[in-house]
């Protein structure tokens, strides 16, 4: 994994850059010492580490704009970072770059029940939005497993998902507007509290852009009314293939659960030991299926799902008898990642998406790859939307095991693309999947995507080295001129 070659000239002016930033920020908000910078050397993909040149911690949009202008003047790269929970290396620092930490943007600015929206700064934790509105019967739907700590700005950058995104959508379906700062220091506002805006879908472009286009400084999200009733079914199966077939049949029957998660036996045992959720330990796989709506609707759908599960050979079906029990079912699933950390010294959390009908085939093939690489794997899936999260077990202290785990993961992602899926569902590309992008996109596709980046960041200073396997200067892709806030393309190559 290679990042752009560090710029010796920028490194040589490190002290000068730090002093320029201290004229904008409080001295304590510019971190230069090794011990101060060390906590930022990695994100959730801890196999990769890089100390940033320095760390800047702004707390206002004006400060962000001023920091970016200074960095542009020095030719310094910038890596935006929220809570650092990214699992694809999206917030991995650069040795010649400023790590722009957004943790001080931690306030909810407005709760508007009439327009069913919340305006929050990007450092606000995902779950904090729900906590702010739950007393009035509302919640924020996207719920990544890291929702206790992951920031809403990071959710926008990665287009995060979660167990309830099957029915209620990913971040892109629940974000209404953003305020963002371009590398030039210009502040833009896109969208708002209204349902849609005219013109190009710039909000859609920024959502999932992985910090390559702009720095998010404010987010407006949609909040929803809590369903009247929610009931969860905990279903055991004698094989992961049967569980995958059950998923396909539920969707084919026209039933859209609030959430539908699959866990195989290693993940079930780890989660049960960690949370004591009451999972059936004799099952090779379990499904957690949540049905919500009116009491009558939830009851009827639960019965239909139970019948479908029985038809594909479910070994057990247990319905939650109370809301507390429903949350207990989900507690085990939400804790699956830390739970698996107890059964292996290290694990590599993957993320890919496949057509639902391919679940049985892919699960079988992942098992074969596990034997090929002689590494264990625990499978945890957002089964309803085909989003896979295989957890590859390895020991980094054993020579060659990390490299073997990475190649195992690469083969899983190649398999996802081969069966008609994509390289990621919610974790993003970052550095983890960057070199696999040609498996999914042709040269013309990647060049066109980079032209879009050039429209926002002509010098390629924002989060370089992520997403694109080959970096091209904008001049190589077609000259881009930015003047008075307008971006003009000229001499674009024709395909």
Protein backbone atom coordinates (compact mmCIF):
# COMPACT_ATOMS: atom_id res chain seq x y z
CA UNK A 1 0.00 0.00 0.00
CA UNK A 2 1.65 3.19 -1.20
CA UNK A 3 0.72 6.78 -0.42
CA UNK A 4 1.87 9.75 -2.49
CA UNK A 5 5.58 10.50 -2.16
CA UNK A 6 6.06 13.04 0.66
CA UNK A 7 6.95 16.58 -0.39
CA UNK A 8 10.34 17.34 1.18
CA UNK A 9 9.82 21.08 0.70
CA UNK A 10 6.62 21.02 2.79
CA UNK A 11 8.26 18.89 5.47
CA UNK A 12 11.13 21.36 5.58
CA UNK A 13 8.72 24.23 6.30
CA UNK A 14 6.87 22.31 9.04
CA UNK A 15 7.67 24.80 11.83
CA UNK A 16 6.74 27.74 9.60
CA UNK A 17 3.44 26.05 8.70
CA UNK A 18 2.70 25.35 12.38
CA UNK A 19 3.28 28.98 13.28
CA UNK A 20 1.02 30.14 10.45
CA UNK A 21 -1.74 27.86 11.77
CA UNK A 22 -1.23 29.14 15.32
CA UNK A 23 -2.07 32.60 14.08
CA UNK A 24 -5.51 31.18 13.20
CA UNK A 25 -6.09 28.67 15.99
CA UNK A 26 -5.29 28.62 19.72
CA UNK A 27 -1.74 27.33 20.21
CA UNK A 28 -3.09 24.23 21.97
CA UNK A 29 -5.10 23.37 18.84
CA UNK A 30 -2.01 22.89 16.67
CA UNK A 31 -0.26 19.65 17.68
CA UNK A 32 3.35 19.14 16.65
CA UNK A 33 4.87 16.91 19.35
CA UNK A 34 5.28 13.20 18.61
CA UNK A 35 3.17 12.13 21.60
CA UNK A 36 0.46 14.63 20.59
CA UNK A 37 0.33 13.35 17.02
CA UNK A 38 0.54 9.64 17.84
CA UNK A 39 -3.22 9.15 18.55
CA UNK A 40 -3.97 10.26 14.98
CA UNK A 41 -1.56 7.90 13.19
CA UNK A 42 -4.29 5.43 12.24
CA UNK A 43 -8.04 5.07 11.88
CA UNK A 44 -10.08 1.89 12.35
CA UNK A 45 -7.90 0.08 9.79
CA UNK A 46 -5.08 -0.23 12.29
CA UNK A 47 -2.84 -2.36 10.07
CA UNK A 48 -1.79 0.89 8.37
CA UNK A 49 -0.12 3.68 10.34
CA UNK A 50 1.43 7.01 9.40
CA UNK A 51 2.29 9.95 11.63
CA UNK A 52 0.83 13.22 10.30
CA UNK A 53 3.12 16.19 9.72
CA UNK A 54 1.01 18.05 12.28
CA UNK A 55 -2.57 18.11 13.59
CA UNK A 56 -4.95 21.10 13.46
CA UNK A 57 -8.11 21.16 15.59
CA UNK A 58 -10.46 23.95 14.44
CA UNK A 59 -13.86 24.59 16.01
CA UNK A 60 -15.54 27.05 13.63
CA UNK A 61 -16.23 27.06 9.91
CA UNK A 62 -14.21 30.28 9.57
CA UNK A 63 -11.23 28.54 11.16
CA UNK A 64 -11.54 25.58 8.79
CA UNK A 65 -11.61 27.95 5.81
CA UNK A 66 -8.55 29.81 7.11
CA UNK A 67 -6.64 26.57 7.77
CA UNK A 68 -7.31 25.31 4.24
CA UNK A 69 -6.15 28.61 2.75
CA UNK A 70 -2.89 28.42 4.71
CA UNK A 71 -2.35 24.80 3.67
CA UNK A 72 -2.98 25.73 0.04
CA UNK A 73 -0.44 28.53 0.29
CA UNK A 74 2.19 26.15 1.69
CA UNK A 75 1.29 23.38 -0.76
CA UNK A 76 0.45 21.11 2.19
CA UNK A 77 -1.97 18.20 1.80
CA UNK A 78 -4.97 17.92 4.14
CA UNK A 79 -6.66 14.80 5.55
CA UNK A 80 -10.05 15.47 7.26
CA UNK A 81 -10.82 13.22 10.22
CA UNK A 82 -13.93 12.76 12.35
CA UNK A 83 -14.00 10.12 15.09
CA UNK A 84 -11.45 7.98 13.24
CA UNK A 85 -13.68 4.89 13.07
CA UNK A 86 -13.18 4.43 9.31
CA UNK A 87 -12.40 0.79 8.46
CA UNK A 88 -10.95 1.48 5.00
CA UNK A 89 -8.05 3.77 5.90
CA UNK A 90 -9.97 6.84 4.73
CA UNK A 91 -8.54 8.98 7.54
CA UNK A 92 -4.98 7.62 7.31
CA UNK A 93 -2.69 10.66 7.67
CA UNK A 94 0.12 11.74 5.34
CA UNK A 95 3.67 12.39 6.44
CA UNK A 96 3.66 15.73 4.63
CA UNK A 97 0.06 16.64 5.39
CA UNK A 98 -2.07 18.34 8.01
CA UNK A 99 -4.51 16.08 9.83
CA UNK A 100 -7.65 18.22 10.19
CA UNK A 101 -9.46 16.90 13.25
CA UNK A 102 -13.14 17.87 13.44
CA UNK A 103 -13.88 16.55 16.95
CA UNK A 104 -14.52 20.05 18.36
CA UNK A 105 -17.51 20.46 16.02
CA UNK A 106 -19.63 18.59 18.55
CA UNK A 107 -22.87 20.55 18.98
CA UNK A 108 -26.42 19.95 17.80
CA UNK A 109 -27.39 23.36 16.45
CA UNK A 110 -31.12 22.96 15.89
CA UNK A 111 -33.93 20.46 16.33
CA UNK A 112 -36.88 21.25 14.04
CA UNK A 113 -39.79 18.89 14.68
CA UNK A 114 -42.08 20.72 12.26
CA UNK A 115 -39.70 20.00 9.40
CA UNK A 116 -38.55 16.70 10.95
CA UNK A 117 -34.90 17.64 10.76
CA UNK A 118 -31.84 18.16 12.92
CA UNK A 119 -28.92 20.46 12.15
CA UNK A 120 -25.69 19.16 13.68
CA UNK A 121 -22.00 19.84 13.53
CA UNK A 122 -19.96 17.04 11.92
CA UNK A 123 -18.31 15.85 15.16
CA UNK A 124 -21.66 14.93 16.78
CA UNK A 125 -21.91 11.17 17.35
CA UNK A 126 -24.50 9.34 15.28
CA UNK A 127 -26.42 8.06 18.32
CA UNK A 128 -26.44 11.51 19.93
CA UNK A 129 -28.91 12.69 17.28
CA UNK A 130 -31.39 10.00 18.24
CA UNK A 131 -30.82 10.73 21.93
CA UNK A 132 -31.67 14.39 21.30
CA UNK A 133 -35.08 13.63 19.79
CA UNK A 134 -36.22 10.29 21.25
CA UNK A 135 -38.24 11.90 24.04
CA UNK A 136 -40.61 13.21 21.35
CA UNK A 137 -40.82 9.82 19.63
CA UNK A 138 -38.31 10.50 16.82
CA UNK A 139 -35.01 8.92 15.79
CA UNK A 140 -32.27 9.06 13.14
CA UNK A 141 -32.47 5.89 11.05
CA UNK A 142 -28.93 5.02 9.79
CA UNK A 143 -27.31 3.11 12.67
CA UNK A 144 -23.77 1.82 12.02
CA UNK A 145 -22.45 -0.62 14.63
CA UNK A 146 -20.09 2.15 15.74
CA UNK A 147 -22.97 4.61 16.20
CA UNK A 148 -22.04 5.32 19.83
CA UNK A 149 -18.78 6.95 18.68
CA UNK A 150 -18.80 7.49 14.90
CA UNK A 151 -19.42 11.08 13.83
CA UNK A 152 -22.19 12.28 11.55
CA UNK A 153 -19.65 14.07 9.36
CA UNK A 154 -17.79 10.80 8.89
CA UNK A 155 -21.11 9.08 8.14
CA UNK A 156 -21.66 11.58 5.32
CA UNK A 157 -18.11 11.13 4.02
CA UNK A 158 -18.48 7.34 3.85
CA UNK A 159 -22.24 7.12 3.18
CA UNK A 160 -22.56 4.93 6.26
CA UNK A 161 -25.29 2.35 6.67
CA UNK A 162 -26.41 0.09 9.50
CA UNK A 163 -28.84 -2.65 10.40
CA UNK A 164 -31.96 -0.56 9.68
CA UNK A 165 -30.88 0.76 6.28
CA UNK A 166 -32.69 -1.98 4.36
CA UNK A 167 -36.02 -0.24 4.93
CA UNK A 168 -35.00 3.31 5.84
CA UNK A 169 -32.00 3.91 3.61
CA UNK A 170 -28.32 4.78 3.89
CA UNK A 171 -26.95 8.16 4.95
CA UNK A 172 -27.55 9.52 1.44
CA UNK A 173 -31.27 8.86 1.87
CA UNK A 174 -31.39 10.67 5.21
CA UNK A 175 -29.13 13.71 4.79
CA UNK A 176 -30.91 16.85 3.58
CA UNK A 177 -28.12 19.40 3.39
CA UNK A 178 -24.53 20.22 4.26
CA UNK A 179 -22.24 23.17 4.73
CA UNK A 180 -18.76 22.44 3.38
CA UNK A 181 -15.46 24.20 2.83
CA UNK A 182 -13.50 23.76 -0.42
CA UNK A 183 -9.72 23.54 -0.48
CA UNK A 184 -9.70 27.15 -1.69
CA UNK A 185 -11.33 28.21 1.58
CA UNK A 186 -14.68 28.92 -0.08
CA UNK A 187 -17.72 27.95 1.99
CA UNK A 188 -20.66 26.37 0.17
CA UNK A 189 -24.13 25.29 1.31
CA UNK A 190 -25.94 22.50 -0.49
CA UNK A 191 -29.52 21.44 0.19
CA UNK A 192 -31.35 22.40 3.38
CA UNK A 193 -34.49 21.30 5.20
CA UNK A 194 -36.45 20.86 1.99
CA UNK A 195 -36.80 17.42 0.46
CA UNK A 196 -34.90 18.16 -2.75
CA UNK A 197 -33.08 20.97 -4.53
CA UNK A 198 -32.97 21.99 -8.17
CA UNK A 199 -29.91 21.65 -10.37
CA UNK A 200 -27.19 19.05 -10.20
CA UNK A 201 -27.23 16.67 -7.24
CA UNK A 202 -24.14 18.12 -5.54
CA UNK A 203 -25.38 16.78 -2.19
CA UNK A 204 -25.30 13.28 -3.66
CA UNK A 205 -21.78 13.90 -4.95
CA UNK A 206 -20.51 15.04 -1.55
CA UNK A 207 -22.16 12.16 0.31
CA UNK A 208 -19.75 9.25 0.11
CA UNK A 209 -16.92 11.36 -1.34
CA UNK A 210 -14.51 10.18 1.40
CA UNK A 211 -13.03 13.59 2.16
CA UNK A 212 -11.67 14.05 -1.37
CA UNK A 213 -13.87 16.98 -2.38
CA UNK A 214 -14.55 19.21 0.64
CA UNK A 215 -14.54 19.40 4.43
CA UNK A 216 -18.03 19.03 5.91
CA UNK A 217 -18.72 21.60 8.66
CA UNK A 218 -22.49 21.22 9.17
CA UNK A 219 -25.05 18.51 8.41
CA UNK A 220 -28.86 18.65 8.22
CA UNK A 221 -30.47 15.21 8.59
CA UNK A 222 -33.98 13.81 8.39
CA UNK A 223 -35.51 12.38 11.55
CA UNK A 224 -38.36 9.85 11.55
CA UNK A 225 -41.21 8.92 13.85
CA UNK A 226 -40.59 5.75 15.82
CA UNK A 227 -42.76 2.90 14.50
CA UNK A 228 -45.67 2.01 16.78
CA UNK A 229 -44.42 -1.52 17.21
CA UNK A 230 -41.26 -3.46 16.40
CA UNK A 231 -40.86 -7.19 16.80
CA UNK A 232 -37.70 -9.19 16.17
CA UNK A 233 -37.40 -12.83 15.19
CA UNK A 234 -34.29 -14.81 16.12
CA UNK A 235 -34.05 -17.68 13.65
CA UNK A 236 -31.52 -20.52 13.70
CA UNK A 237 -30.41 -22.59 10.67
CA UNK A 238 -28.44 -25.76 10.12
CA UNK A 239 -26.38 -24.07 7.37
CA UNK A 240 -25.42 -20.58 6.26
CA UNK A 241 -26.76 -21.45 2.82
CA UNK A 242 -30.24 -22.04 4.28
CA UNK A 243 -30.05 -18.69 6.07
CA UNK A 244 -29.10 -17.00 2.80
CA UNK A 245 -31.99 -18.68 1.02
CA UNK A 246 -34.38 -17.47 3.72
CA UNK A 247 -33.22 -13.89 3.14
CA UNK A 248 -33.89 -14.18 -0.59
CA UNK A 249 -37.37 -15.65 -0.03
CA UNK A 250 -38.38 -12.96 2.49
CA UNK A 251 -37.56 -10.20 0.02
CA UNK A 252 -39.13 -12.12 -2.88
CA UNK A 253 -42.35 -12.30 -0.84
CA UNK A 254 -42.51 -8.51 -0.86
CA UNK A 255 -41.64 -8.16 2.82
CA UNK A 256 -39.21 -5.34 3.68
CA UNK A 257 -38.09 -5.79 7.28
CA UNK A 258 -36.85 -2.88 9.36
CA UNK A 259 -33.61 -4.85 9.65
CA UNK A 260 -32.34 -8.27 8.64
CA UNK A 261 -28.93 -9.48 9.80
CA UNK A 262 -27.10 -12.77 9.29
CA UNK A 263 -24.36 -14.17 11.52
CA UNK A 264 -22.54 -17.47 11.06
CA UNK A 265 -21.53 -19.86 13.86
CA UNK A 266 -18.16 -18.32 14.81
CA UNK A 267 -19.75 -14.86 15.02
CA UNK A 268 -22.75 -16.22 16.97
CA UNK A 269 -20.54 -17.93 19.56
CA UNK A 270 -18.34 -14.86 19.98
CA UNK A 271 -21.32 -12.51 20.36
CA UNK A 272 -23.12 -14.83 22.77
CA UNK A 273 -20.06 -15.13 25.03
CA UNK A 274 -19.71 -11.36 24.97
CA UNK A 275 -23.34 -10.26 25.50
CA UNK A 276 -25.36 -13.35 26.58
CA UNK A 277 -28.11 -12.41 24.12
CA UNK A 278 -29.64 -15.90 24.11
CA UNK A 279 -28.47 -16.99 20.66
CA UNK A 280 -28.90 -20.69 19.72
CA UNK A 281 -25.36 -22.09 19.94
CA UNK A 282 -26.21 -25.24 17.99
CA UNK A 283 -27.09 -23.23 14.86
CA UNK A 284 -24.63 -22.88 11.98
CA UNK A 285 -26.13 -19.46 11.26
CA UNK A 286 -28.78 -17.14 12.64
CA UNK A 287 -30.97 -14.43 11.16
CA UNK A 288 -32.33 -11.51 13.15
CA UNK A 289 -35.36 -10.14 11.33
CA UNK A 290 -37.14 -7.07 12.66
CA UNK A 291 -40.67 -6.23 11.50
CA UNK A 292 -42.15 -2.87 12.39
CA UNK A 293 -45.32 -0.86 11.84
CA UNK A 294 -48.71 -1.05 13.51
CA UNK A 295 -49.22 -3.90 16.02
CA UNK A 296 -51.39 -5.81 13.53
CA UNK A 297 -48.88 -5.33 10.71
CA UNK A 298 -45.91 -6.42 12.83
CA UNK A 299 -47.80 -9.50 14.04
CA UNK A 300 -48.86 -10.60 10.55
CA UNK A 301 -45.42 -10.05 9.02
CA UNK A 302 -43.77 -11.94 11.87
CA UNK A 303 -46.02 -14.93 11.19
CA UNK A 304 -45.25 -14.81 7.45
CA UNK A 305 -41.50 -14.62 8.05
CA UNK A 306 -41.76 -17.52 10.52
CA UNK A 307 -43.55 -19.60 7.85
CA UNK A 308 -40.87 -18.77 5.25
CA UNK A 309 -38.12 -19.73 7.70
CA UNK A 310 -39.84 -23.05 8.41
CA UNK A 311 -40.12 -23.76 4.70
CA UNK A 312 -36.35 -23.50 4.23
CA UNK A 313 -35.57 -25.70 7.23
CA UNK A 314 -35.07 -23.31 10.15
CA UNK A 315 -34.04 -25.20 13.28
CA UNK A 316 -35.50 -22.60 15.65
CA UNK A 317 -37.70 -19.50 15.52
CA UNK A 318 -38.04 -17.24 18.52
CA UNK A 319 -40.03 -13.99 18.57
CA UNK A 320 -39.20 -11.19 20.98
CA UNK A 321 -41.81 -11.03 23.74
CA UNK A 322 -40.94 -7.45 24.75
CA UNK A 323 -39.05 -4.46 23.50
CA UNK A 324 -36.29 -5.23 25.99
CA UNK A 325 -35.87 -8.70 24.49
CA UNK A 326 -35.83 -7.25 20.96
CA UNK A 327 -33.00 -4.91 21.97
CA UNK A 328 -31.17 -7.86 23.51
CA UNK A 329 -31.27 -9.68 20.16
CA UNK A 330 -29.72 -6.60 18.56
CA UNK A 331 -27.21 -6.12 21.36
CA UNK A 332 -25.38 -9.25 20.29
CA UNK A 333 -25.28 -8.19 16.66
CA UNK A 334 -24.16 -4.65 17.48
CA UNK A 335 -21.35 -6.07 19.62
CA UNK A 336 -20.20 -8.63 17.05
CA UNK A 337 -17.07 -6.73 16.03
CA UNK A 338 -15.62 -6.28 19.55
CA UNK A 339 -16.81 -9.79 20.45
CA UNK A 340 -14.80 -11.36 17.62
CA UNK A 341 -11.76 -9.52 18.99
CA UNK A 342 -11.85 -11.99 21.91
CA UNK A 343 -11.40 -15.08 19.73
CA UNK A 344 -8.36 -13.99 17.70
CA UNK A 345 -5.38 -11.68 18.31
CA UNK A 346 -6.35 -9.63 15.24
CA UNK A 347 -9.08 -9.50 12.63
CA UNK A 348 -9.57 -7.76 9.31
CA UNK A 349 -13.11 -6.40 8.85
CA UNK A 350 -14.16 -6.53 5.21
CA UNK A 351 -17.02 -4.80 3.41
CA UNK A 352 -18.51 -5.68 0.04
CA UNK A 353 -22.00 -5.87 -1.44
CA UNK A 354 -23.62 -8.53 -3.59
CA UNK A 355 -27.06 -9.25 -5.07
CA UNK A 356 -29.14 -10.94 -2.37
CA UNK A 357 -29.81 -13.98 -4.52
CA UNK A 358 -26.06 -14.66 -4.56
CA UNK A 359 -25.77 -14.94 -0.76
CA UNK A 360 -25.72 -18.78 -0.60
CA UNK A 361 -23.14 -19.00 -3.39
CA UNK A 362 -20.87 -16.34 -1.89
CA UNK A 363 -21.08 -17.80 1.62
CA UNK A 364 -20.02 -21.19 0.28
CA UNK A 365 -17.12 -19.65 -1.65
CA UNK A 366 -15.93 -17.64 1.39
CA UNK A 367 -15.76 -20.91 3.32
CA UNK A 368 -13.60 -22.41 0.57
CA UNK A 369 -11.30 -19.38 0.60
CA UNK A 370 -10.97 -19.72 4.37
CA UNK A 371 -9.55 -23.22 3.87
CA UNK A 372 -7.31 -22.06 1.02
CA UNK A 373 -5.68 -19.34 3.13
CA UNK A 374 -5.79 -21.36 6.38
CA UNK A 375 -7.40 -18.44 8.20
CA UNK A 376 -10.64 -18.42 10.12
CA UNK A 377 -13.50 -16.12 9.21
CA UNK A 378 -16.58 -14.96 11.09
CA UNK A 379 -19.36 -13.67 8.85
CA UNK A 380 -21.67 -10.82 9.86
CA UNK A 381 -23.93 -9.46 7.11
CA UNK A 382 -26.49 -6.76 6.53
CA UNK A 383 -28.21 -9.60 4.75
CA UNK A 384 -31.25 -7.66 3.56
CA UNK A 385 -29.24 -5.38 1.28
CA UNK A 386 -26.46 -7.85 0.49
CA UNK A 387 -23.77 -5.98 2.47
CA UNK A 388 -21.14 -8.47 3.65
CA UNK A 389 -18.83 -7.97 6.64
CA UNK A 390 -16.52 -11.01 6.77
CA UNK A 391 -14.12 -10.77 9.73
CA UNK A 392 -10.87 -12.50 8.73
CA UNK A 393 -9.03 -13.83 11.80
CA UNK A 394 -5.23 -13.67 11.92
CA UNK A 395 -2.25 -13.00 14.17
CA UNK A 396 -0.12 -10.03 13.13
CA UNK A 397 2.75 -11.39 15.24
CA UNK A 398 3.08 -14.40 12.91
CA UNK A 399 5.13 -13.57 9.81
CA UNK A 400 3.05 -13.45 6.64
CA UNK A 401 -0.38 -13.74 8.28
CA UNK A 402 -1.38 -10.11 7.70
CA UNK A 403 -0.41 -10.32 4.03
CA UNK A 404 -2.37 -13.58 3.75
CA UNK A 405 -5.40 -11.96 5.39
CA UNK A 406 -5.22 -9.04 2.95
CA UNK A 407 -5.07 -11.37 -0.05
CA UNK A 408 -7.98 -13.39 1.37
CA UNK A 409 -9.94 -10.16 1.67
CA UNK A 410 -9.01 -9.11 -1.87
CA UNK A 411 -10.32 -12.42 -3.18
CA UNK A 412 -13.62 -11.86 -1.35
CA UNK A 413 -13.97 -8.44 -2.98
CA UNK A 414 -13.10 -9.82 -6.43
CA UNK A 415 -15.82 -12.43 -5.82
CA UNK A 416 -18.31 -9.68 -4.94
CA UNK A 417 -17.65 -7.93 -8.26
CA UNK A 418 -17.70 -11.21 -10.19
CA UNK A 419 -21.22 -12.09 -8.99
CA UNK A 420 -22.56 -8.65 -9.89
CA UNK A 421 -21.84 -6.75 -6.69
CA UNK A 422 -19.57 -3.87 -5.73
CA UNK A 423 -16.38 -3.33 -3.73
CA UNK A 424 -18.01 -1.58 -0.78
CA UNK A 425 -21.37 -1.02 0.82
CA UNK A 426 -20.65 1.52 3.55
CA UNK A 427 -17.00 1.44 4.61
CA UNK A 428 -15.74 3.28 1.55
CA UNK A 429 -12.70 2.60 -0.63
CA UNK A 430 -9.98 4.54 1.19
CA UNK A 431 -6.61 2.88 0.84
CA UNK A 432 -7.95 -0.61 1.60
CA UNK A 433 -9.77 -1.16 -1.70
CA UNK A 434 -8.01 1.50 -3.79
CA UNK A 435 -5.88 -0.91 -5.80
CA UNK A 436 -8.91 -3.10 -6.50
CA UNK A 437 -10.86 -0.30 -8.20
CA UNK A 438 -9.83 -1.56 -11.70
CA UNK A 439 -11.69 -4.79 -10.90
CA UNK A 440 -14.88 -2.75 -11.12
CA UNK A 441 -14.07 0.34 -13.20
CA UNK A 442 -12.34 0.82 -16.53
CA UNK A 443 -9.68 3.43 -17.17
CA UNK A 444 -12.22 5.83 -18.70
CA UNK A 445 -14.51 5.45 -15.66
CA UNK A 446 -11.72 6.24 -13.21
CA UNK A 447 -10.50 9.20 -15.27
CA UNK A 448 -14.01 10.68 -15.32
CA UNK A 449 -14.31 10.31 -11.55
CA UNK A 450 -10.98 12.08 -11.10
CA UNK A 451 -12.19 14.93 -13.31
CA UNK A 452 -15.00 15.44 -10.81
CA UNK A 453 -12.43 15.70 -8.03
CA UNK A 454 -10.55 18.28 -10.11
CA UNK A 455 -13.69 20.46 -10.21
CA UNK A 456 -13.60 20.69 -6.41
CA UNK A 457 -9.87 20.34 -5.67
CA UNK A 458 -7.74 21.31 -8.66
CA UNK A 459 -4.41 20.74 -6.89
CA UNK A 460 -5.39 17.34 -5.50
CA UNK A 461 -4.57 18.39 -1.94
CA UNK A 462 -7.58 16.91 -0.12
CA UNK A 463 -6.99 13.34 1.08
CA UNK A 464 -4.73 12.28 -1.82
CA UNK A 465 -3.74 8.64 -2.18
CA UNK A 466 -7.23 7.41 -1.34
CA UNK A 467 -9.81 5.82 -3.69
CA UNK A 468 -7.89 6.20 -6.99
CA UNK A 469 -5.22 3.57 -7.80
CA UNK A 470 -3.43 5.94 -10.18
CA UNK A 471 -3.18 9.64 -9.46
CA UNK A 472 -3.27 12.01 -12.42
CA UNK A 473 -2.69 15.72 -12.28
CA UNK A 474 -5.75 17.65 -13.37
CA UNK A 475 -3.81 19.03 -16.33
CA UNK A 476 -3.36 15.48 -17.57
CA UNK A 477 -7.10 14.85 -17.43
CA UNK A 478 -8.12 18.13 -19.04
CA UNK A 479 -7.24 21.60 -17.84
CA UNK A 480 -9.43 22.92 -15.05
CA UNK A 481 -9.65 26.62 -14.23
CA UNK A 482 -11.36 27.95 -11.11
CA UNK A 483 -12.34 31.62 -11.33
CA UNK A 484 -14.77 33.56 -9.14
CA UNK A 485 -16.21 30.36 -7.75
CA UNK A 486 -16.94 28.92 -11.21
CA UNK A 487 -15.27 25.78 -12.50
CA UNK A 488 -14.60 25.60 -16.24
CA UNK A 489 -13.38 22.58 -18.16
CA UNK A 490 -11.43 22.92 -21.39
CA UNK A 491 -9.65 20.56 -23.72
CA UNK A 492 -11.18 17.46 -22.16
CA UNK A 493 -10.08 14.26 -23.88
CA UNK A 494 -12.82 12.65 -25.92
CA UNK A 495 -13.53 8.94 -25.61
